[in-house]
Structure formats: structure tokens, C-alpha cells
Amino acid sequence: MWQRILVIGCPGAGKSTFSRRLRDRLGLPLFYLDRLWHRENRTTVSREVFDRGLTEILQGERWIIDGNYLRTLEMRLKRCDTVFLLDYPPALCLEGAKARIGKKREDLPWVEETFDEEFRQWIVDFPRMQLPRIYELLRTYRKDKQAIVFQSREEAERFLAERREGMGQCKHPQPEETPAE
């Protein structure tokens, strides 16, 4: 355990911050799917280029992968040993996404200058459009994976604080059902 980790959740939840903190504690290489998908000129690579890059990462023995990209989640779940899902309320994720506007970030190849309506709507729709499939996949792969679901930043913070001295096994329950919206 703790060699191949996925960090998933709604945009603005703080996946990248959580991933960096895991990286700093575990010494695992960290890969951002947004960096794999987006070019510096704000265009995207083809699906084939993205999938090839992701396949290369997945062949490694040790990594943290930050990002959702639901189309490829199942292939990542097959290879990981641990999943952290940041399942936070949309209002909190909207605040998080707004707070990073204008800031240089390690996980994105440019600085976001505006909070556009399409991205805002993606966050609002995430619990309805993405979470059911995420929970379905977690249930499918839970037998040989450790899945840890946080429903608040405080839970995630407490988890990291309790493991300052090293990341041992934790006793969080496996996801049984999708929480009520």
C-alpha cells in the first residue's frame, strides 16, 4: 500500500494541495493530469497523446496521480493501491476554484485569469454528473484497493496531521454507497 495513489474529487476541492502534502510525506513522484492534458498555450493534446502519457506513468511502481478525467479513471483504478476521494460540497469547491484565480500553480501550465461560467457549472454539476460513476467504480474495485473518502477539508487535514511521522495503514471504511446530495 501507499505506492500508487490516486487523488480525485471535484475541481476546487484541493486535490493538488492534498497531493503535494502526500508527496512531501511519502517521497512519491506526483503527476498532475491537468499538466498532461493542457499545453502552455491553453490548447489540449489529443486523447491518444494523453493516454500514451498516462500509460507511461501507470507503468511506474510508485506515484501519486492528481485529477479526475473520468474517461480514464477505471484504467487508473486497476493499477493503484490507494484512492483518496475529496467529496466536498459544491459551494466549498466553488470557493476553492475562485480563490486560485490569478495565482501561479504547479498543477496547471498557465495562470487562470477568470472564473468562467462553463467551469463554474461543471463544479455545480459534479455531484450529479460525476460522483455517481466515481462511487460505482470505487465499489467495483474496493476489494483490493484502499479507498478513503473525505467529506470536509477538516477530515483531510486531520488525516494528514495524524500521519506527520509517516503514512501507515489507516482504518477508514471502504465506500459502500454514494452519500446523499
N, C-alpha and C. Protein backbone atom coordinates (compact mmCIF):
# COMPACT_ATOMS: atom_id res chain seq x y z
N MET A 1 0.83 -1.20 0.00
CA MET A 1 0.00 0.00 0.00
C MET A 1 0.86 1.26 0.00
N TRP A 2 0.25 2.34 -0.39
CA TRP A 2 0.88 3.66 -0.38
C TRP A 2 2.02 3.78 -1.40
N GLN A 3 1.92 3.06 -2.49
CA GLN A 3 2.92 3.19 -3.54
C GLN A 3 2.34 3.79 -4.81
N ARG A 4 1.06 3.55 -5.08
CA ARG A 4 0.39 4.04 -6.28
C ARG A 4 -0.96 4.63 -5.85
N ILE A 5 -0.99 5.95 -5.79
CA ILE A 5 -2.11 6.67 -5.17
C ILE A 5 -2.83 7.55 -6.18
N LEU A 6 -4.17 7.53 -6.12
CA LEU A 6 -4.99 8.46 -6.89
C LEU A 6 -5.61 9.46 -5.93
N VAL A 7 -5.64 10.72 -6.35
CA VAL A 7 -6.35 11.76 -5.61
C VAL A 7 -7.38 12.34 -6.57
N ILE A 8 -8.66 12.13 -6.24
CA ILE A 8 -9.74 12.55 -7.13
C ILE A 8 -10.75 13.39 -6.35
N GLY A 9 -11.59 14.11 -7.08
CA GLY A 9 -12.62 14.93 -6.45
C GLY A 9 -12.97 16.09 -7.35
N CYS A 10 -13.94 16.85 -6.95
CA CYS A 10 -14.43 17.99 -7.70
C CYS A 10 -13.34 19.05 -7.90
N PRO A 11 -13.33 19.72 -9.05
CA PRO A 11 -12.42 20.86 -9.20
C PRO A 11 -12.64 21.86 -8.06
N GLY A 12 -11.57 22.39 -7.53
CA GLY A 12 -11.65 23.36 -6.44
C GLY A 12 -11.66 22.73 -5.06
N ALA A 13 -11.69 21.40 -4.99
CA ALA A 13 -11.73 20.73 -3.68
C ALA A 13 -10.38 20.80 -2.96
N GLY A 14 -9.31 20.96 -3.71
CA GLY A 14 -7.99 20.99 -3.09
C GLY A 14 -7.19 19.73 -3.34
N LYS A 15 -7.50 19.04 -4.45
CA LYS A 15 -6.77 17.81 -4.79
C LYS A 15 -5.27 18.04 -4.90
N SER A 16 -4.89 19.11 -5.55
CA SER A 16 -3.46 19.35 -5.78
C SER A 16 -2.73 19.68 -4.48
N THR A 17 -3.36 20.44 -3.62
CA THR A 17 -2.75 20.74 -2.32
C THR A 17 -2.60 19.45 -1.51
N PHE A 18 -3.64 18.65 -1.47
CA PHE A 18 -3.58 17.37 -0.75
C PHE A 18 -2.51 16.47 -1.36
N SER A 19 -2.45 16.42 -2.68
CA SER A 19 -1.46 15.58 -3.38
C SER A 19 -0.03 16.01 -3.06
N ARG A 20 0.21 17.31 -3.05
CA ARG A 20 1.56 17.81 -2.72
C ARG A 20 1.94 17.43 -1.29
N ARG A 21 1.00 17.52 -0.39
CA ARG A 21 1.29 17.16 1.00
C ARG A 21 1.59 15.67 1.12
N LEU A 22 0.88 14.83 0.38
CA LEU A 22 1.19 13.40 0.35
C LEU A 22 2.57 13.17 -0.24
N ARG A 23 2.87 13.86 -1.33
CA ARG A 23 4.19 13.74 -1.96
C ARG A 23 5.29 14.07 -0.96
N ASP A 24 5.11 15.16 -0.24
CA ASP A 24 6.13 15.59 0.71
C ASP A 24 6.32 14.58 1.84
N ARG A 25 5.27 13.90 2.22
CA ARG A 25 5.36 12.90 3.30
C ARG A 25 5.91 11.56 2.81
N LEU A 26 5.50 11.18 1.61
CA LEU A 26 5.82 9.83 1.13
C LEU A 26 7.02 9.77 0.19
N GLY A 27 7.40 10.90 -0.39
CA GLY A 27 8.51 10.91 -1.34
C GLY A 27 8.17 10.24 -2.66
N LEU A 28 6.89 10.18 -2.99
CA LEU A 28 6.47 9.59 -4.27
C LEU A 28 6.43 10.67 -5.35
N PRO A 29 6.73 10.29 -6.60
CA PRO A 29 6.58 11.26 -7.68
C PRO A 29 5.11 11.63 -7.87
N LEU A 30 4.86 12.90 -8.14
CA LEU A 30 3.49 13.42 -8.30
C LEU A 30 3.28 13.83 -9.74
N PHE A 31 2.17 13.35 -10.31
CA PHE A 31 1.79 13.67 -11.68
C PHE A 31 0.41 14.31 -11.68
N TYR A 32 0.29 15.44 -12.37
CA TYR A 32 -0.97 16.16 -12.49
C TYR A 32 -1.57 15.86 -13.86
N LEU A 33 -2.79 15.32 -13.89
CA LEU A 33 -3.44 15.04 -15.17
C LEU A 33 -3.70 16.32 -15.96
N ASP A 34 -3.94 17.43 -15.27
CA ASP A 34 -4.13 18.71 -15.99
C ASP A 34 -2.88 19.10 -16.77
N ARG A 35 -1.72 18.81 -16.23
CA ARG A 35 -0.45 19.10 -16.93
C ARG A 35 -0.27 18.18 -18.13
N LEU A 36 -0.77 16.97 -18.02
CA LEU A 36 -0.68 16.01 -19.12
C LEU A 36 -1.62 16.40 -20.26
N TRP A 37 -2.78 16.93 -19.93
CA TRP A 37 -3.83 17.25 -20.90
C TRP A 37 -3.66 18.64 -21.52
N HIS A 38 -3.28 19.62 -20.74
CA HIS A 38 -3.22 21.00 -21.20
C HIS A 38 -1.81 21.39 -21.64
N ARG A 39 -1.75 22.17 -22.70
CA ARG A 39 -0.49 22.76 -23.15
C ARG A 39 -0.40 24.18 -22.60
N GLU A 40 0.81 24.72 -22.62
CA GLU A 40 1.01 26.09 -22.10
C GLU A 40 0.21 27.13 -22.87
N ASN A 41 -0.08 26.87 -24.16
CA ASN A 41 -0.83 27.83 -24.96
C ASN A 41 -2.34 27.69 -24.80
N ARG A 42 -2.76 26.95 -23.79
CA ARG A 42 -4.17 26.76 -23.41
C ARG A 42 -4.94 25.86 -24.37
N THR A 43 -4.24 25.13 -25.21
CA THR A 43 -4.88 24.10 -26.01
C THR A 43 -4.67 22.77 -25.28
N THR A 44 -5.24 21.72 -25.83
CA THR A 44 -5.09 20.40 -25.23
C THR A 44 -4.43 19.45 -26.21
N VAL A 45 -3.87 18.39 -25.67
CA VAL A 45 -3.28 17.35 -26.52
C VAL A 45 -4.41 16.43 -26.99
N SER A 46 -4.12 15.55 -27.91
CA SER A 46 -5.13 14.59 -28.37
C SER A 46 -5.33 13.53 -27.29
N ARG A 47 -6.44 12.83 -27.37
CA ARG A 47 -6.69 11.73 -26.43
C ARG A 47 -5.58 10.68 -26.52
N GLU A 48 -5.10 10.45 -27.73
CA GLU A 48 -4.05 9.44 -27.92
C GLU A 48 -2.77 9.85 -27.19
N VAL A 49 -2.38 11.11 -27.30
CA VAL A 49 -1.18 11.60 -26.63
C VAL A 49 -1.38 11.54 -25.11
N PHE A 50 -2.56 11.96 -24.64
CA PHE A 50 -2.86 11.90 -23.21
C PHE A 50 -2.79 10.46 -22.70
N ASP A 51 -3.44 9.55 -23.42
CA ASP A 51 -3.47 8.15 -22.99
C ASP A 51 -2.08 7.53 -23.00
N ARG A 52 -1.28 7.89 -23.96
CA ARG A 52 0.10 7.37 -24.02
C ARG A 52 0.91 7.86 -22.81
N GLY A 53 0.78 9.14 -22.50
CA GLY A 53 1.48 9.69 -21.33
C GLY A 53 0.99 9.07 -20.04
N LEU A 54 -0.32 8.88 -19.91
CA LEU A 54 -0.87 8.26 -18.71
C LEU A 54 -0.41 6.81 -18.59
N THR A 55 -0.38 6.09 -19.68
CA THR A 55 0.08 4.70 -19.67
C THR A 55 1.52 4.61 -19.19
N GLU A 56 2.35 5.54 -19.63
CA GLU A 56 3.75 5.59 -19.16
C GLU A 56 3.82 5.77 -17.65
N ILE A 57 3.03 6.71 -17.13
CA ILE A 57 3.02 6.96 -15.69
C ILE A 57 2.57 5.70 -14.95
N LEU A 58 1.49 5.09 -15.43
CA LEU A 58 0.93 3.91 -14.76
C LEU A 58 1.88 2.73 -14.74
N GLN A 59 2.82 2.68 -15.65
CA GLN A 59 3.80 1.59 -15.68
C GLN A 59 4.80 1.70 -14.54
N GLY A 60 4.92 2.87 -13.97
CA GLY A 60 5.82 3.07 -12.84
C GLY A 60 5.33 2.33 -11.61
N GLU A 61 6.25 2.05 -10.72
CA GLU A 61 5.91 1.32 -9.49
C GLU A 61 5.46 2.23 -8.36
N ARG A 62 5.79 3.53 -8.45
CA ARG A 62 5.49 4.45 -7.36
C ARG A 62 5.03 5.78 -7.95
N TRP A 63 3.86 6.26 -7.52
CA TRP A 63 3.36 7.54 -8.00
C TRP A 63 2.13 7.99 -7.23
N ILE A 64 1.89 9.28 -7.36
CA ILE A 64 0.62 9.90 -6.98
C ILE A 64 0.10 10.55 -8.25
N ILE A 65 -1.16 10.28 -8.59
CA ILE A 65 -1.78 10.91 -9.76
C ILE A 65 -2.94 11.76 -9.26
N ASP A 66 -2.88 13.04 -9.58
CA ASP A 66 -3.88 14.03 -9.17
C ASP A 66 -4.77 14.33 -10.37
N GLY A 67 -6.07 14.10 -10.22
CA GLY A 67 -7.02 14.51 -11.25
C GLY A 67 -8.11 13.48 -11.49
N ASN A 68 -9.20 13.95 -12.04
CA ASN A 68 -10.36 13.09 -12.29
C ASN A 68 -10.31 12.41 -13.64
N TYR A 69 -10.57 13.17 -14.69
CA TYR A 69 -10.60 12.64 -16.04
C TYR A 69 -11.30 11.28 -16.03
N LEU A 70 -12.61 11.34 -15.81
CA LEU A 70 -13.44 10.16 -15.60
C LEU A 70 -13.25 9.11 -16.69
N ARG A 71 -12.99 9.53 -17.91
CA ARG A 71 -12.80 8.60 -19.03
C ARG A 71 -11.68 7.60 -18.74
N THR A 72 -10.67 8.01 -17.98
CA THR A 72 -9.53 7.13 -17.72
C THR A 72 -9.46 6.66 -16.27
N LEU A 73 -10.48 6.96 -15.48
CA LEU A 73 -10.42 6.60 -14.08
C LEU A 73 -10.31 5.09 -13.88
N GLU A 74 -11.06 4.32 -14.64
CA GLU A 74 -11.02 2.87 -14.45
C GLU A 74 -9.63 2.30 -14.70
N MET A 75 -8.95 2.78 -15.74
CA MET A 75 -7.60 2.26 -16.00
C MET A 75 -6.65 2.61 -14.86
N ARG A 76 -6.84 3.77 -14.25
CA ARG A 76 -6.01 4.15 -13.11
C ARG A 76 -6.36 3.34 -11.87
N LEU A 77 -7.65 3.09 -11.66
CA LEU A 77 -8.08 2.28 -10.52
C LEU A 77 -7.53 0.86 -10.58
N LYS A 78 -7.42 0.33 -11.76
CA LYS A 78 -6.89 -1.03 -11.91
C LYS A 78 -5.44 -1.12 -11.44
N ARG A 79 -4.71 -0.03 -11.53
CA ARG A 79 -3.28 -0.05 -11.22
C ARG A 79 -2.93 0.50 -9.83
N CYS A 80 -3.79 1.33 -9.25
CA CYS A 80 -3.45 1.97 -7.97
C CYS A 80 -3.63 1.00 -6.81
N ASP A 81 -3.09 1.37 -5.66
CA ASP A 81 -3.36 0.63 -4.43
C ASP A 81 -4.22 1.44 -3.45
N THR A 82 -4.25 2.78 -3.64
CA THR A 82 -4.97 3.65 -2.71
C THR A 82 -5.63 4.79 -3.48
N VAL A 83 -6.86 5.12 -3.08
CA VAL A 83 -7.60 6.24 -3.67
C VAL A 83 -8.05 7.16 -2.56
N PHE A 84 -7.79 8.44 -2.74
CA PHE A 84 -8.36 9.47 -1.87
C PHE A 84 -9.38 10.23 -2.69
N LEU A 85 -10.63 10.23 -2.23
CA LEU A 85 -11.69 10.99 -2.87
C LEU A 85 -12.05 12.16 -1.97
N LEU A 86 -11.90 13.37 -2.50
CA LEU A 86 -12.31 14.58 -1.78
C LEU A 86 -13.73 14.90 -2.24
N ASP A 87 -14.70 14.44 -1.49
CA ASP A 87 -16.12 14.59 -1.83
C ASP A 87 -16.70 15.73 -1.00
N TYR A 88 -16.45 16.94 -1.46
CA TYR A 88 -16.84 18.14 -0.72
C TYR A 88 -18.06 18.79 -1.38
N PRO A 89 -18.80 19.59 -0.61
CA PRO A 89 -19.96 20.30 -1.18
C PRO A 89 -19.53 21.25 -2.30
N PRO A 90 -20.37 21.38 -3.32
CA PRO A 90 -20.03 22.28 -4.44
C PRO A 90 -19.71 23.71 -4.01
N ALA A 91 -20.41 24.22 -3.01
CA ALA A 91 -20.15 25.60 -2.56
C ALA A 91 -18.70 25.76 -2.10
N LEU A 92 -18.19 24.77 -1.39
CA LEU A 92 -16.79 24.80 -0.93
C LEU A 92 -15.83 24.73 -2.11
N CYS A 93 -16.16 23.89 -3.09
CA CYS A 93 -15.32 23.75 -4.29
C CYS A 93 -15.35 25.02 -5.13
N LEU A 94 -16.50 25.67 -5.21
CA LEU A 94 -16.59 26.95 -5.93
C LEU A 94 -15.68 27.98 -5.27
N GLU A 95 -15.70 28.04 -3.94
CA GLU A 95 -14.81 28.96 -3.21
C GLU A 95 -13.35 28.66 -3.52
N GLY A 96 -12.99 27.36 -3.50
CA GLY A 96 -11.62 26.95 -3.77
C GLY A 96 -11.17 27.33 -5.17
N ALA A 97 -12.05 27.11 -6.14
CA ALA A 97 -11.71 27.44 -7.53
C ALA A 97 -11.57 28.96 -7.71
N LYS A 98 -12.44 29.72 -7.08
CA LYS A 98 -12.36 31.18 -7.18
C LYS A 98 -11.09 31.71 -6.53
N ALA A 99 -10.70 31.11 -5.42
CA ALA A 99 -9.53 31.58 -4.66
C ALA A 99 -8.22 31.42 -5.43
N ARG A 100 -8.18 30.51 -6.37
CA ARG A 100 -6.91 30.28 -7.09
C ARG A 100 -6.78 31.12 -8.38
N ILE A 101 -7.82 31.89 -8.73
CA ILE A 101 -7.75 32.75 -9.91
C ILE A 101 -6.62 33.75 -9.71
N GLY A 102 -5.79 33.89 -10.74
CA GLY A 102 -4.68 34.84 -10.70
C GLY A 102 -3.42 34.32 -10.04
N LYS A 103 -3.43 33.08 -9.57
CA LYS A 103 -2.26 32.53 -8.89
C LYS A 103 -1.55 31.49 -9.75
N LYS A 104 -0.22 31.56 -9.76
CA LYS A 104 0.58 30.56 -10.45
C LYS A 104 0.50 29.27 -9.66
N ARG A 105 0.28 28.17 -10.40
CA ARG A 105 0.10 26.87 -9.75
C ARG A 105 1.00 25.82 -10.38
N GLU A 106 1.43 24.89 -9.57
CA GLU A 106 2.28 23.79 -10.02
C GLU A 106 1.50 22.81 -10.91
N ASP A 107 0.20 22.73 -10.72
CA ASP A 107 -0.62 21.71 -11.39
C ASP A 107 -1.22 22.15 -12.72
N LEU A 108 -1.02 23.38 -13.13
CA LEU A 108 -1.59 23.89 -14.38
C LEU A 108 -0.53 24.72 -15.11
N PRO A 109 -0.43 24.56 -16.44
CA PRO A 109 0.65 25.25 -17.15
C PRO A 109 0.41 26.73 -17.44
N TRP A 110 -0.63 27.32 -16.92
CA TRP A 110 -0.86 28.75 -17.08
C TRP A 110 -1.59 29.26 -15.84
N VAL A 111 -1.72 30.58 -15.77
CA VAL A 111 -2.45 31.20 -14.65
C VAL A 111 -3.88 31.47 -15.11
N GLU A 112 -4.82 30.95 -14.36
CA GLU A 112 -6.23 31.22 -14.67
C GLU A 112 -6.50 32.69 -14.37
N GLU A 113 -7.11 33.39 -15.32
CA GLU A 113 -7.35 34.81 -15.14
C GLU A 113 -8.80 35.14 -14.83
N THR A 114 -9.70 34.23 -15.20
CA THR A 114 -11.12 34.45 -14.93
C THR A 114 -11.75 33.14 -14.46
N PHE A 115 -12.89 33.27 -13.84
CA PHE A 115 -13.67 32.11 -13.41
C PHE A 115 -14.85 32.02 -14.36
N ASP A 116 -14.66 31.26 -15.44
CA ASP A 116 -15.69 31.28 -16.48
C ASP A 116 -16.92 30.45 -16.09
N GLU A 117 -18.03 30.80 -16.71
CA GLU A 117 -19.33 30.22 -16.38
C GLU A 117 -19.37 28.71 -16.66
N GLU A 118 -18.73 28.26 -17.72
CA GLU A 118 -18.74 26.83 -18.04
C GLU A 118 -18.04 26.01 -16.93
N PHE A 119 -16.91 26.52 -16.45
CA PHE A 119 -16.19 25.83 -15.39
C PHE A 119 -16.98 25.87 -14.09
N ARG A 120 -17.61 27.00 -13.79
CA ARG A 120 -18.46 27.13 -12.61
C ARG A 120 -19.57 26.08 -12.66
N GLN A 121 -20.20 25.95 -13.82
CA GLN A 121 -21.30 25.00 -13.97
C GLN A 121 -20.81 23.55 -13.83
N TRP A 122 -19.60 23.27 -14.32
CA TRP A 122 -19.01 21.93 -14.18
C TRP A 122 -18.91 21.55 -12.69
N ILE A 123 -18.49 22.51 -11.87
CA ILE A 123 -18.37 22.28 -10.42
C ILE A 123 -19.75 22.05 -9.80
N VAL A 124 -20.72 22.89 -10.17
CA VAL A 124 -22.08 22.76 -9.64
C VAL A 124 -22.67 21.40 -10.01
N ASP A 125 -22.41 20.94 -11.23
CA ASP A 125 -22.98 19.68 -11.71
C ASP A 125 -22.19 18.44 -11.29
N PHE A 126 -21.01 18.62 -10.73
CA PHE A 126 -20.14 17.49 -10.41
C PHE A 126 -20.82 16.41 -9.55
N PRO A 127 -21.52 16.77 -8.47
CA PRO A 127 -22.15 15.73 -7.64
C PRO A 127 -23.17 14.87 -8.41
N ARG A 128 -23.84 15.49 -9.35
CA ARG A 128 -24.87 14.78 -10.12
C ARG A 128 -24.30 14.06 -11.33
N MET A 129 -23.32 14.67 -11.98
CA MET A 129 -22.82 14.15 -13.26
C MET A 129 -21.60 13.24 -13.13
N GLN A 130 -20.79 13.41 -12.10
CA GLN A 130 -19.54 12.66 -11.98
C GLN A 130 -19.51 11.71 -10.78
N LEU A 131 -19.97 12.17 -9.64
CA LEU A 131 -19.83 11.37 -8.41
C LEU A 131 -20.51 10.00 -8.46
N PRO A 132 -21.69 9.86 -9.04
CA PRO A 132 -22.28 8.52 -9.07
C PRO A 132 -21.38 7.50 -9.77
N ARG A 133 -20.78 7.87 -10.88
CA ARG A 133 -19.88 6.95 -11.59
C ARG A 133 -18.61 6.70 -10.79
N ILE A 134 -18.09 7.73 -10.15
CA ILE A 134 -16.88 7.56 -9.32
C ILE A 134 -17.17 6.55 -8.21
N TYR A 135 -18.29 6.70 -7.50
CA TYR A 135 -18.61 5.77 -6.43
C TYR A 135 -18.86 4.36 -6.97
N GLU A 136 -19.47 4.28 -8.12
CA GLU A 136 -19.69 2.95 -8.74
C GLU A 136 -18.35 2.26 -9.01
N LEU A 137 -17.41 2.99 -9.56
CA LEU A 137 -16.08 2.42 -9.83
C LEU A 137 -15.35 2.06 -8.54
N LEU A 138 -15.47 2.90 -7.51
CA LEU A 138 -14.83 2.59 -6.23
C LEU A 138 -15.41 1.30 -5.64
N ARG A 139 -16.72 1.13 -5.75
CA ARG A 139 -17.33 -0.12 -5.25
C ARG A 139 -16.82 -1.32 -6.05
N THR A 140 -16.67 -1.16 -7.34
CA THR A 140 -16.21 -2.25 -8.19
C THR A 140 -14.80 -2.70 -7.81
N TYR A 141 -13.93 -1.75 -7.49
CA TYR A 141 -12.51 -2.06 -7.25
C TYR A 141 -12.11 -2.08 -5.78
N ARG A 142 -13.07 -2.02 -4.87
CA ARG A 142 -12.73 -1.89 -3.46
C ARG A 142 -12.09 -3.12 -2.84
N LYS A 143 -12.23 -4.27 -3.44
CA LYS A 143 -11.69 -5.50 -2.83
C LYS A 143 -10.18 -5.45 -2.63
N ASP A 144 -9.48 -4.88 -3.58
CA ASP A 144 -8.01 -4.87 -3.47
C ASP A 144 -7.43 -3.46 -3.48
N LYS A 145 -8.26 -2.48 -3.15
CA LYS A 145 -7.81 -1.09 -3.06
C LYS A 145 -8.21 -0.52 -1.72
N GLN A 146 -7.47 0.43 -1.26
CA GLN A 146 -7.88 1.19 -0.09
C GLN A 146 -8.49 2.48 -0.60
N ALA A 147 -9.75 2.72 -0.28
CA ALA A 147 -10.44 3.93 -0.71
C ALA A 147 -10.79 4.75 0.53
N ILE A 148 -10.31 5.98 0.53
CA ILE A 148 -10.51 6.87 1.67
C ILE A 148 -11.27 8.09 1.16
N VAL A 149 -12.45 8.31 1.73
CA VAL A 149 -13.31 9.40 1.30
C VAL A 149 -13.36 10.46 2.39
N PHE A 150 -13.05 11.68 2.02
CA PHE A 150 -13.17 12.82 2.93
C PHE A 150 -14.35 13.65 2.49
N GLN A 151 -15.16 14.10 3.45
CA GLN A 151 -16.30 14.94 3.11
C GLN A 151 -16.14 16.36 3.63
N SER A 152 -14.95 16.66 4.14
CA SER A 152 -14.64 18.04 4.54
C SER A 152 -13.13 18.22 4.51
N ARG A 153 -12.71 19.45 4.39
CA ARG A 153 -11.28 19.75 4.44
C ARG A 153 -10.71 19.40 5.82
N GLU A 154 -11.54 19.55 6.83
CA GLU A 154 -11.09 19.24 8.19
C GLU A 154 -10.75 17.75 8.33
N GLU A 155 -11.55 16.89 7.72
CA GLU A 155 -11.25 15.44 7.74
C GLU A 155 -9.91 15.16 7.07
N ALA A 156 -9.70 15.76 5.90
CA ALA A 156 -8.44 15.55 5.18
C ALA A 156 -7.27 16.09 5.97
N GLU A 157 -7.45 17.25 6.57
CA GLU A 157 -6.39 17.86 7.38
C GLU A 157 -6.06 16.99 8.59
N ARG A 158 -7.08 16.49 9.24
CA ARG A 158 -6.88 15.62 10.40
C ARG A 158 -6.13 14.34 9.99
N PHE A 159 -6.50 13.78 8.86
CA PHE A 159 -5.84 12.57 8.36
C PHE A 159 -4.34 12.84 8.15
N LEU A 160 -4.02 13.94 7.50
CA LEU A 160 -2.60 14.26 7.26
C LEU A 160 -1.87 14.58 8.55
N ALA A 161 -2.52 15.29 9.44
CA ALA A 161 -1.89 15.65 10.72
C ALA A 161 -1.59 14.42 11.55
N GLU A 162 -2.47 13.45 11.53
CA GLU A 162 -2.28 12.21 12.29
C GLU A 162 -1.13 11.38 11.73
N ARG A 163 -0.72 11.67 10.54
CA ARG A 163 0.31 10.87 9.89
C ARG A 163 1.57 11.67 9.59
N ARG A 164 1.83 12.68 10.39
CA ARG A 164 3.03 13.50 10.20
C ARG A 164 4.30 12.68 10.22
N GLU A 165 4.34 11.69 11.07
CA GLU A 165 5.56 10.90 11.24
C GLU A 165 5.69 9.79 10.21
N GLY A 166 4.76 9.66 9.33
CA GLY A 166 4.82 8.60 8.32
C GLY A 166 3.42 8.14 8.00
N MET A 167 3.29 7.61 6.82
CA MET A 167 1.97 7.23 6.35
C MET A 167 1.79 5.72 6.47
N GLY A 168 1.27 5.29 7.59
CA GLY A 168 0.99 3.87 7.77
C GLY A 168 -0.41 3.53 7.30
N GLN A 169 -0.82 2.32 7.59
CA GLN A 169 -2.17 1.89 7.24
C GLN A 169 -3.18 2.74 8.00
N CYS A 170 -4.28 3.02 7.35
CA CYS A 170 -5.34 3.73 8.05
C CYS A 170 -6.57 2.85 8.09
N LYS A 171 -7.51 3.21 8.90
CA LYS A 171 -8.67 2.36 9.10
C LYS A 171 -9.95 3.03 8.64
N HIS A 172 -9.91 3.78 7.57
CA HIS A 172 -11.12 4.41 7.05
C HIS A 172 -11.95 3.36 6.33
N PRO A 173 -13.26 3.43 6.43
CA PRO A 173 -14.12 2.42 5.79
C PRO A 173 -14.09 2.52 4.27
N GLN A 174 -14.37 1.41 3.63
CA GLN A 174 -14.50 1.38 2.19
C GLN A 174 -15.84 2.02 1.81
N PRO A 175 -15.92 2.67 0.64
CA PRO A 175 -17.18 3.30 0.26
C PRO A 175 -18.24 2.24 -0.04
N GLU A 176 -19.39 2.35 0.61
CA GLU A 176 -20.48 1.40 0.38
C GLU A 176 -21.53 2.00 -0.52
N GLU A 177 -21.84 3.27 -0.28
CA GLU A 177 -22.90 3.90 -1.05
C GLU A 177 -22.51 5.33 -1.36
N THR A 178 -23.14 5.87 -2.38
CA THR A 178 -22.96 7.27 -2.70
C THR A 178 -23.70 8.08 -1.65
N PRO A 179 -23.04 9.03 -0.98
CA PRO A 179 -23.75 9.84 0.02
C PRO A 179 -24.88 10.63 -0.62
N ALA A 180 -25.88 10.94 0.16
CA ALA A 180 -26.98 11.76 -0.32
C ALA A 180 -26.48 13.15 -0.65
N GLU A 181 -27.04 13.73 -1.67
CA GLU A 181 -26.62 15.08 -2.07
C GLU A 181 -27.13 16.11 -1.10
